[in-house]
Amino acid sequence: NTDYTATSTNKHKSDEQSALNRILQQTASNIIDVGALECHTLEQHEYIERVRMYNQRLNTLYTQKVVNKKALPDVNKLLVDLPSTERTLSAQPISLTDYSMMLACSQKVKKKNHENILDNPENNKESVSHPATFRVGGRASVSLLQCNFFSLYTSI
């Protein structure tokens, strides 16, 4: 009886060992040693070619959206796709005085919202559109801000 138990235990241990070896071998074959891989750096011409292709695809998508939007009713939207975002992101941010003026105007619009100043064009003296690039939290973010400040702009 003890021989049977010892044989059964040895067989069970060998089954477990073979299963463990199989798992270890499978894991070893699935691991990719990143340190052993060769580093492929892009050459300048490869980089320029990829940028050109990327910009070409973006421009194609942008023109398709413009064509599709012309079929729809003209809706003035604040967010649009910009085909050359690197130029916009690298541009200088708006000045502190412009930013302060926009904040003051938006606070006045919030305070005077009940007067419907935006829906009453007869009372508006001036309409101004401001494109702006903001830096939020140290990161550059782009916003095409088209604000109609109307009489608020002249009252500052």
N, C-alpha and C. Protein backbone atom coordinates (compact mmCIF):
# COMPACT_ATOMS: atom_id res chain seq x y z
N ASN A 1 0.83 -1.20 0.00
CA ASN A 1 0.00 0.00 0.00
C ASN A 1 0.87 1.26 0.00
N THR A 2 1.98 1.20 0.74
CA THR A 2 2.87 2.37 0.77
C THR A 2 3.59 2.56 -0.56
N ASP A 3 3.86 1.45 -1.27
CA ASP A 3 4.48 1.57 -2.59
C ASP A 3 3.54 2.26 -3.57
N TYR A 4 2.27 1.92 -3.49
CA TYR A 4 1.28 2.56 -4.36
C TYR A 4 1.18 4.05 -4.05
N THR A 5 1.16 4.43 -2.78
CA THR A 5 1.07 5.84 -2.38
C THR A 5 2.31 6.59 -2.81
N ALA A 6 3.48 6.00 -2.64
CA ALA A 6 4.73 6.65 -3.04
C ALA A 6 4.78 6.81 -4.55
N THR A 7 4.36 5.82 -5.29
CA THR A 7 4.34 5.89 -6.75
C THR A 7 3.34 6.94 -7.21
N SER A 8 2.18 6.96 -6.58
CA SER A 8 1.16 7.94 -6.92
C SER A 8 1.63 9.36 -6.62
N THR A 9 2.31 9.54 -5.49
CA THR A 9 2.81 10.86 -5.12
C THR A 9 3.91 11.30 -6.08
N ASN A 10 4.81 10.39 -6.44
CA ASN A 10 5.87 10.72 -7.39
C ASN A 10 5.30 11.06 -8.76
N LYS A 11 4.29 10.32 -9.18
CA LYS A 11 3.66 10.58 -10.48
C LYS A 11 2.96 11.94 -10.45
N HIS A 12 2.30 12.24 -9.33
CA HIS A 12 1.61 13.53 -9.19
C HIS A 12 2.62 14.68 -9.22
N LYS A 13 3.78 14.47 -8.53
CA LYS A 13 4.82 15.50 -8.52
C LYS A 13 5.42 15.69 -9.91
N SER A 14 5.61 14.60 -10.63
CA SER A 14 6.17 14.72 -11.98
C SER A 14 5.18 15.40 -12.93
N ASP A 15 3.88 15.15 -12.75
CA ASP A 15 2.86 15.84 -13.55
C ASP A 15 2.86 17.33 -13.26
N GLU A 16 2.96 17.66 -11.97
CA GLU A 16 3.02 19.08 -11.60
C GLU A 16 4.28 19.73 -12.14
N GLN A 17 5.41 19.01 -12.06
CA GLN A 17 6.68 19.55 -12.55
C GLN A 17 6.63 19.76 -14.06
N SER A 18 6.06 18.82 -14.79
CA SER A 18 5.97 18.97 -16.24
C SER A 18 5.01 20.11 -16.61
N ALA A 19 3.93 20.26 -15.85
CA ALA A 19 3.02 21.38 -16.11
C ALA A 19 3.70 22.70 -15.83
N LEU A 20 4.47 22.75 -14.74
CA LEU A 20 5.21 23.97 -14.40
C LEU A 20 6.27 24.28 -15.46
N ASN A 21 6.99 23.25 -15.91
CA ASN A 21 7.99 23.45 -16.97
C ASN A 21 7.34 23.94 -18.26
N ARG A 22 6.17 23.40 -18.59
CA ARG A 22 5.45 23.82 -19.80
C ARG A 22 5.04 25.29 -19.69
N ILE A 23 4.54 25.70 -18.51
CA ILE A 23 4.14 27.10 -18.29
C ILE A 23 5.35 28.02 -18.38
N LEU A 24 6.47 27.62 -17.76
CA LEU A 24 7.68 28.44 -17.82
C LEU A 24 8.21 28.57 -19.24
N GLN A 25 8.17 27.48 -20.00
CA GLN A 25 8.64 27.51 -21.38
C GLN A 25 7.73 28.41 -22.24
N GLN A 26 6.43 28.32 -22.02
CA GLN A 26 5.48 29.16 -22.76
C GLN A 26 5.69 30.63 -22.41
N THR A 27 5.89 30.92 -21.13
CA THR A 27 6.12 32.30 -20.69
C THR A 27 7.41 32.83 -21.29
N ALA A 28 8.46 32.03 -21.28
CA ALA A 28 9.75 32.45 -21.83
C ALA A 28 9.65 32.73 -23.32
N SER A 29 8.84 31.95 -24.03
CA SER A 29 8.70 32.19 -25.47
C SER A 29 7.84 33.42 -25.77
N ASN A 30 6.98 33.83 -24.83
CA ASN A 30 6.13 35.00 -25.04
C ASN A 30 6.77 36.31 -24.61
N ILE A 31 7.88 36.26 -23.89
CA ILE A 31 8.53 37.48 -23.41
C ILE A 31 9.37 38.08 -24.52
N ILE A 32 9.27 39.38 -24.68
CA ILE A 32 10.09 40.11 -25.64
C ILE A 32 11.12 40.89 -24.85
N ASP A 33 12.38 40.62 -25.09
CA ASP A 33 13.46 41.32 -24.40
C ASP A 33 13.72 42.63 -25.12
N VAL A 34 13.18 43.70 -24.58
CA VAL A 34 13.28 45.02 -25.22
C VAL A 34 14.72 45.50 -25.24
N GLY A 35 15.48 45.16 -24.21
CA GLY A 35 16.88 45.59 -24.16
C GLY A 35 17.72 44.98 -25.26
N ALA A 36 17.36 43.81 -25.73
CA ALA A 36 18.12 43.13 -26.77
C ALA A 36 17.74 43.60 -28.17
N LEU A 37 16.63 44.30 -28.30
CA LEU A 37 16.20 44.77 -29.62
C LEU A 37 17.07 45.92 -30.10
N GLU A 38 17.24 46.00 -31.39
CA GLU A 38 17.98 47.12 -31.96
C GLU A 38 17.07 48.35 -31.97
N CYS A 39 17.66 49.47 -31.67
CA CYS A 39 16.89 50.72 -31.66
C CYS A 39 16.83 51.27 -33.07
N HIS A 40 15.63 51.42 -33.59
CA HIS A 40 15.46 51.98 -34.93
C HIS A 40 15.11 53.45 -34.80
N THR A 41 16.02 54.29 -35.17
CA THR A 41 15.76 55.73 -35.14
C THR A 41 15.40 56.18 -36.54
N LEU A 42 14.50 57.13 -36.61
CA LEU A 42 14.09 57.65 -37.90
C LEU A 42 15.15 58.59 -38.44
N GLU A 43 15.48 58.41 -39.67
CA GLU A 43 16.36 59.36 -40.35
C GLU A 43 15.56 60.62 -40.64
N GLN A 44 16.26 61.71 -40.89
CA GLN A 44 15.60 62.99 -41.13
C GLN A 44 14.64 62.91 -42.32
N HIS A 45 15.08 62.27 -43.41
CA HIS A 45 14.21 62.19 -44.59
C HIS A 45 12.98 61.31 -44.32
N GLU A 46 13.14 60.24 -43.50
CA GLU A 46 11.98 59.41 -43.14
C GLU A 46 10.98 60.21 -42.32
N TYR A 47 11.50 60.99 -41.38
CA TYR A 47 10.65 61.82 -40.53
C TYR A 47 9.89 62.84 -41.37
N ILE A 48 10.58 63.52 -42.26
CA ILE A 48 9.95 64.54 -43.12
C ILE A 48 8.89 63.90 -44.01
N GLU A 49 9.19 62.72 -44.53
CA GLU A 49 8.22 62.01 -45.39
C GLU A 49 6.96 61.64 -44.60
N ARG A 50 7.13 61.16 -43.38
CA ARG A 50 5.97 60.82 -42.55
C ARG A 50 5.15 62.05 -42.20
N VAL A 51 5.81 63.16 -41.89
CA VAL A 51 5.09 64.40 -41.60
C VAL A 51 4.31 64.86 -42.81
N ARG A 52 4.93 64.77 -44.00
CA ARG A 52 4.25 65.18 -45.23
C ARG A 52 3.02 64.31 -45.48
N MET A 53 3.16 62.99 -45.32
CA MET A 53 2.02 62.09 -45.53
C MET A 53 0.92 62.35 -44.51
N TYR A 54 1.30 62.57 -43.26
CA TYR A 54 0.33 62.85 -42.20
C TYR A 54 -0.44 64.13 -42.50
N ASN A 55 0.28 65.19 -42.86
CA ASN A 55 -0.38 66.46 -43.19
C ASN A 55 -1.28 66.33 -44.42
N GLN A 56 -0.83 65.54 -45.39
CA GLN A 56 -1.64 65.32 -46.59
C GLN A 56 -2.95 64.61 -46.23
N ARG A 57 -2.87 63.61 -45.38
CA ARG A 57 -4.09 62.90 -44.96
C ARG A 57 -5.01 63.81 -44.14
N LEU A 58 -4.41 64.63 -43.26
CA LEU A 58 -5.23 65.56 -42.49
C LEU A 58 -5.93 66.57 -43.39
N ASN A 59 -5.20 67.11 -44.37
CA ASN A 59 -5.81 68.07 -45.29
C ASN A 59 -6.93 67.42 -46.10
N THR A 60 -6.74 66.16 -46.49
CA THR A 60 -7.79 65.45 -47.22
C THR A 60 -9.03 65.31 -46.35
N LEU A 61 -8.84 64.90 -45.10
CA LEU A 61 -9.98 64.78 -44.19
C LEU A 61 -10.65 66.12 -43.95
N TYR A 62 -9.83 67.18 -43.81
CA TYR A 62 -10.38 68.51 -43.56
C TYR A 62 -11.22 68.98 -44.75
N THR A 63 -10.72 68.78 -45.98
CA THR A 63 -11.49 69.22 -47.14
C THR A 63 -12.76 68.40 -47.29
N GLN A 64 -12.71 67.11 -46.95
CA GLN A 64 -13.92 66.29 -47.01
C GLN A 64 -14.95 66.79 -46.01
N LYS A 65 -14.51 67.18 -44.81
CA LYS A 65 -15.44 67.69 -43.81
C LYS A 65 -16.04 69.02 -44.26
N VAL A 66 -15.21 69.87 -44.88
CA VAL A 66 -15.71 71.17 -45.35
C VAL A 66 -16.76 70.95 -46.42
N VAL A 67 -16.52 70.02 -47.34
CA VAL A 67 -17.49 69.73 -48.40
C VAL A 67 -18.77 69.18 -47.79
N ASN A 68 -18.65 68.28 -46.83
CA ASN A 68 -19.83 67.69 -46.19
C ASN A 68 -20.60 68.72 -45.38
N LYS A 69 -19.90 69.68 -44.77
CA LYS A 69 -20.57 70.69 -43.96
C LYS A 69 -21.32 71.69 -44.84
N LYS A 70 -20.86 71.88 -46.09
CA LYS A 70 -21.55 72.83 -46.97
C LYS A 70 -22.95 72.33 -47.31
N ALA A 71 -23.12 71.03 -47.31
CA ALA A 71 -24.45 70.47 -47.59
C ALA A 71 -25.40 70.70 -46.42
N LEU A 72 -24.83 70.81 -45.22
CA LEU A 72 -25.65 71.04 -44.04
C LEU A 72 -25.91 72.53 -43.87
N PRO A 73 -26.91 72.92 -43.10
CA PRO A 73 -27.12 74.34 -42.85
C PRO A 73 -25.90 74.94 -42.14
N ASP A 74 -25.61 76.21 -42.43
CA ASP A 74 -24.45 76.88 -41.88
C ASP A 74 -24.66 77.14 -40.39
N VAL A 75 -23.89 76.46 -39.57
CA VAL A 75 -23.97 76.61 -38.13
C VAL A 75 -22.61 77.11 -37.66
N ASN A 76 -22.60 78.22 -36.92
CA ASN A 76 -21.36 78.78 -36.44
C ASN A 76 -20.89 77.96 -35.24
N LYS A 77 -19.79 77.22 -35.41
CA LYS A 77 -19.28 76.36 -34.36
C LYS A 77 -17.96 76.89 -33.85
N LEU A 78 -17.70 76.68 -32.57
CA LEU A 78 -16.46 77.14 -31.98
C LEU A 78 -15.31 76.17 -32.20
N LEU A 79 -15.57 74.88 -32.31
CA LEU A 79 -14.51 73.90 -32.48
C LEU A 79 -14.45 73.43 -33.93
N VAL A 80 -13.28 73.55 -34.53
CA VAL A 80 -13.06 73.07 -35.89
C VAL A 80 -11.72 72.35 -35.92
N ASP A 81 -11.54 71.47 -36.89
CA ASP A 81 -10.26 70.80 -37.07
C ASP A 81 -9.29 71.75 -37.76
N LEU A 82 -8.07 71.77 -37.28
CA LEU A 82 -7.03 72.59 -37.88
C LEU A 82 -6.03 71.66 -38.56
N PRO A 83 -5.79 71.83 -39.88
CA PRO A 83 -4.91 70.90 -40.57
C PRO A 83 -3.45 71.00 -40.16
N SER A 84 -2.96 72.17 -39.76
CA SER A 84 -1.55 72.31 -39.37
C SER A 84 -1.47 72.75 -37.91
N THR A 85 -1.70 71.82 -37.02
CA THR A 85 -1.76 72.14 -35.60
C THR A 85 -0.42 72.53 -35.01
N GLU A 86 0.70 72.01 -35.60
CA GLU A 86 2.00 72.33 -35.02
C GLU A 86 2.30 73.82 -35.14
N ARG A 87 1.85 74.46 -36.19
CA ARG A 87 2.05 75.91 -36.33
C ARG A 87 1.22 76.66 -35.30
N THR A 88 0.01 76.23 -35.11
CA THR A 88 -0.87 76.90 -34.15
C THR A 88 -0.35 76.71 -32.73
N LEU A 89 0.10 75.49 -32.42
CA LEU A 89 0.60 75.23 -31.07
C LEU A 89 1.91 75.95 -30.78
N SER A 90 2.72 76.17 -31.81
CA SER A 90 4.00 76.84 -31.58
C SER A 90 3.88 78.36 -31.61
N ALA A 91 2.71 78.88 -31.94
CA ALA A 91 2.52 80.33 -31.98
C ALA A 91 2.53 80.90 -30.56
N GLN A 92 2.83 82.18 -30.48
CA GLN A 92 2.85 82.85 -29.18
C GLN A 92 1.44 82.87 -28.59
N PRO A 93 1.32 82.69 -27.29
CA PRO A 93 0.00 82.77 -26.66
C PRO A 93 -0.49 84.21 -26.65
N ILE A 94 -1.76 84.39 -26.37
CA ILE A 94 -2.31 85.74 -26.35
C ILE A 94 -1.70 86.53 -25.20
N SER A 95 -1.73 87.83 -25.33
CA SER A 95 -1.15 88.67 -24.28
C SER A 95 -2.04 88.66 -23.04
N LEU A 96 -1.45 89.05 -21.93
CA LEU A 96 -2.18 89.08 -20.67
C LEU A 96 -3.31 90.11 -20.71
N THR A 97 -3.09 91.22 -21.41
CA THR A 97 -4.16 92.24 -21.49
C THR A 97 -5.34 91.72 -22.30
N ASP A 98 -5.07 91.00 -23.40
CA ASP A 98 -6.17 90.42 -24.18
C ASP A 98 -6.93 89.38 -23.37
N TYR A 99 -6.18 88.56 -22.63
CA TYR A 99 -6.81 87.55 -21.80
C TYR A 99 -7.67 88.19 -20.72
N SER A 100 -7.15 89.24 -20.09
CA SER A 100 -7.92 89.95 -19.06
C SER A 100 -9.18 90.57 -19.65
N MET A 101 -9.05 91.15 -20.85
CA MET A 101 -10.21 91.75 -21.52
C MET A 101 -11.27 90.70 -21.82
N MET A 102 -10.84 89.52 -22.28
CA MET A 102 -11.79 88.46 -22.60
C MET A 102 -12.48 87.95 -21.33
N LEU A 103 -11.73 87.84 -20.25
CA LEU A 103 -12.34 87.42 -18.98
C LEU A 103 -13.37 88.45 -18.51
N ALA A 104 -12.99 89.73 -18.58
CA ALA A 104 -13.91 90.78 -18.14
C ALA A 104 -15.18 90.77 -18.98
N CYS A 105 -15.02 90.62 -20.29
CA CYS A 105 -16.19 90.60 -21.17
C CYS A 105 -17.07 89.39 -20.91
N SER A 106 -16.46 88.23 -20.71
CA SER A 106 -17.28 87.05 -20.46
C SER A 106 -18.01 87.14 -19.12
N GLN A 107 -17.39 87.77 -18.14
CA GLN A 107 -18.07 87.96 -16.85
C GLN A 107 -19.25 88.91 -17.00
N LYS A 108 -19.08 89.94 -17.83
CA LYS A 108 -20.19 90.87 -18.06
C LYS A 108 -21.33 90.19 -18.81
N VAL A 109 -20.98 89.31 -19.76
CA VAL A 109 -22.01 88.59 -20.50
C VAL A 109 -22.78 87.69 -19.54
N LYS A 110 -22.10 87.04 -18.63
CA LYS A 110 -22.79 86.20 -17.65
C LYS A 110 -23.71 87.03 -16.77
N LYS A 111 -23.25 88.20 -16.38
CA LYS A 111 -24.04 89.04 -15.50
C LYS A 111 -25.25 89.63 -16.22
N LYS A 112 -25.09 89.92 -17.49
CA LYS A 112 -26.16 90.59 -18.23
C LYS A 112 -26.87 89.64 -19.18
N ASN A 113 -26.81 88.36 -18.92
CA ASN A 113 -27.43 87.38 -19.80
C ASN A 113 -28.94 87.58 -19.90
N HIS A 114 -29.57 88.07 -18.86
CA HIS A 114 -31.02 88.22 -18.89
C HIS A 114 -31.46 89.33 -19.84
N GLU A 115 -30.53 90.19 -20.29
CA GLU A 115 -30.90 91.28 -21.20
C GLU A 115 -30.90 90.85 -22.66
N ASN A 116 -30.46 89.63 -22.97
CA ASN A 116 -30.41 89.14 -24.34
C ASN A 116 -29.61 90.04 -25.26
N ILE A 117 -28.43 90.42 -24.85
CA ILE A 117 -27.63 91.33 -25.68
C ILE A 117 -27.17 90.67 -26.96
N LEU A 118 -27.01 89.35 -26.97
CA LEU A 118 -26.55 88.68 -28.17
C LEU A 118 -27.66 88.50 -29.20
N ASP A 119 -28.89 88.47 -28.75
CA ASP A 119 -30.01 88.27 -29.67
C ASP A 119 -30.61 89.59 -30.15
N ASN A 120 -30.09 90.70 -29.71
CA ASN A 120 -30.64 91.99 -30.05
C ASN A 120 -29.59 92.81 -30.81
N PRO A 121 -29.44 92.61 -32.13
CA PRO A 121 -28.38 93.28 -32.88
C PRO A 121 -28.57 94.79 -33.02
N GLU A 122 -29.76 95.31 -32.78
CA GLU A 122 -29.97 96.75 -32.92
C GLU A 122 -29.20 97.53 -31.85
N ASN A 123 -29.01 96.94 -30.68
CA ASN A 123 -28.34 97.62 -29.59
C ASN A 123 -26.83 97.44 -29.62
N ASN A 124 -26.32 96.66 -30.57
CA ASN A 124 -24.89 96.37 -30.61
C ASN A 124 -24.15 97.44 -31.38
N LYS A 125 -23.07 97.93 -30.81
CA LYS A 125 -22.28 98.97 -31.46
C LYS A 125 -21.19 98.37 -32.34
N GLU A 126 -20.59 97.28 -31.88
CA GLU A 126 -19.42 96.76 -32.56
C GLU A 126 -19.36 95.25 -32.39
N SER A 127 -18.90 94.56 -33.42
CA SER A 127 -18.73 93.12 -33.36
C SER A 127 -17.27 92.80 -33.60
N VAL A 128 -16.66 92.02 -32.71
CA VAL A 128 -15.24 91.71 -32.81
C VAL A 128 -15.07 90.21 -32.73
N SER A 129 -14.22 89.67 -33.58
CA SER A 129 -13.93 88.24 -33.54
C SER A 129 -12.47 88.07 -33.15
N HIS A 130 -12.20 87.23 -32.13
CA HIS A 130 -10.85 87.05 -31.61
C HIS A 130 -10.41 85.60 -31.74
N PRO A 131 -9.44 85.29 -32.66
CA PRO A 131 -8.85 83.96 -32.60
C PRO A 131 -7.80 83.96 -31.49
N ALA A 132 -7.70 82.89 -30.73
CA ALA A 132 -6.77 82.89 -29.61
C ALA A 132 -6.18 81.51 -29.38
N THR A 133 -4.95 81.49 -28.86
CA THR A 133 -4.31 80.27 -28.42
C THR A 133 -4.08 80.40 -26.93
N PHE A 134 -4.55 79.44 -26.16
CA PHE A 134 -4.42 79.49 -24.71
C PHE A 134 -3.40 78.47 -24.25
N ARG A 135 -2.74 78.77 -23.17
CA ARG A 135 -1.89 77.80 -22.48
C ARG A 135 -2.59 77.49 -21.17
N VAL A 136 -3.06 76.25 -21.05
CA VAL A 136 -3.82 75.84 -19.88
C VAL A 136 -2.98 74.85 -19.09
N GLY A 137 -2.71 75.18 -17.83
CA GLY A 137 -1.95 74.28 -16.97
C GLY A 137 -0.56 73.98 -17.48
N GLY A 138 0.10 74.93 -18.14
CA GLY A 138 1.44 74.72 -18.64
C GLY A 138 1.48 74.01 -19.98
N ARG A 139 0.35 73.49 -20.44
CA ARG A 139 0.30 72.80 -21.73
C ARG A 139 -0.43 73.69 -22.72
N ALA A 140 0.01 73.65 -23.97
CA ALA A 140 -0.64 74.45 -24.99
C ALA A 140 -1.90 73.75 -25.46
N SER A 141 -2.98 74.47 -25.50
CA SER A 141 -4.20 73.93 -26.08
C SER A 141 -4.76 74.99 -27.00
N VAL A 142 -5.33 74.54 -28.10
CA VAL A 142 -5.78 75.46 -29.13
C VAL A 142 -7.28 75.63 -29.05
N SER A 143 -7.70 76.85 -29.17
CA SER A 143 -9.12 77.11 -29.21
C SER A 143 -9.35 78.24 -30.20
N LEU A 144 -10.26 78.05 -31.13
CA LEU A 144 -10.63 79.12 -32.02
C LEU A 144 -11.82 79.80 -31.37
N LEU A 145 -11.53 80.91 -30.70
CA LEU A 145 -12.54 81.58 -29.90
C LEU A 145 -13.11 82.71 -30.73
N GLN A 146 -14.34 82.58 -31.15
CA GLN A 146 -14.99 83.63 -31.90
C GLN A 146 -16.06 84.23 -31.00
N CYS A 147 -15.70 85.32 -30.36
CA CYS A 147 -16.62 85.97 -29.44
C CYS A 147 -17.11 87.25 -30.06
N ASN A 148 -18.39 87.45 -30.03
CA ASN A 148 -18.94 88.73 -30.43
C ASN A 148 -19.17 89.52 -29.16
N PHE A 149 -18.31 90.51 -28.96
CA PHE A 149 -18.38 91.25 -27.72
C PHE A 149 -19.35 92.43 -27.80
N PHE A 150 -19.70 92.83 -29.01
CA PHE A 150 -20.68 93.88 -29.24
C PHE A 150 -20.37 95.12 -28.40
N SER A 151 -21.31 95.62 -27.69
CA SER A 151 -21.11 96.85 -26.94
C SER A 151 -20.26 96.65 -25.70
N LEU A 152 -20.11 95.42 -25.26
CA LEU A 152 -19.28 95.18 -24.08
C LEU A 152 -17.83 95.53 -24.35
N TYR A 153 -17.37 95.29 -25.58
CA TYR A 153 -15.99 95.57 -25.93
C TYR A 153 -15.68 97.06 -25.81
N THR A 154 -16.60 97.89 -26.21
CA THR A 154 -16.36 99.33 -26.17
C THR A 154 -16.58 99.92 -24.79
N SER A 155 -17.24 99.19 -23.90
CA SER A 155 -17.51 99.75 -22.58
C SER A 155 -16.42 99.44 -21.56
N ILE A 156 -15.39 98.73 -21.95
CA ILE A 156 -14.32 98.40 -21.00
C ILE A 156 -13.40 99.58 -20.81
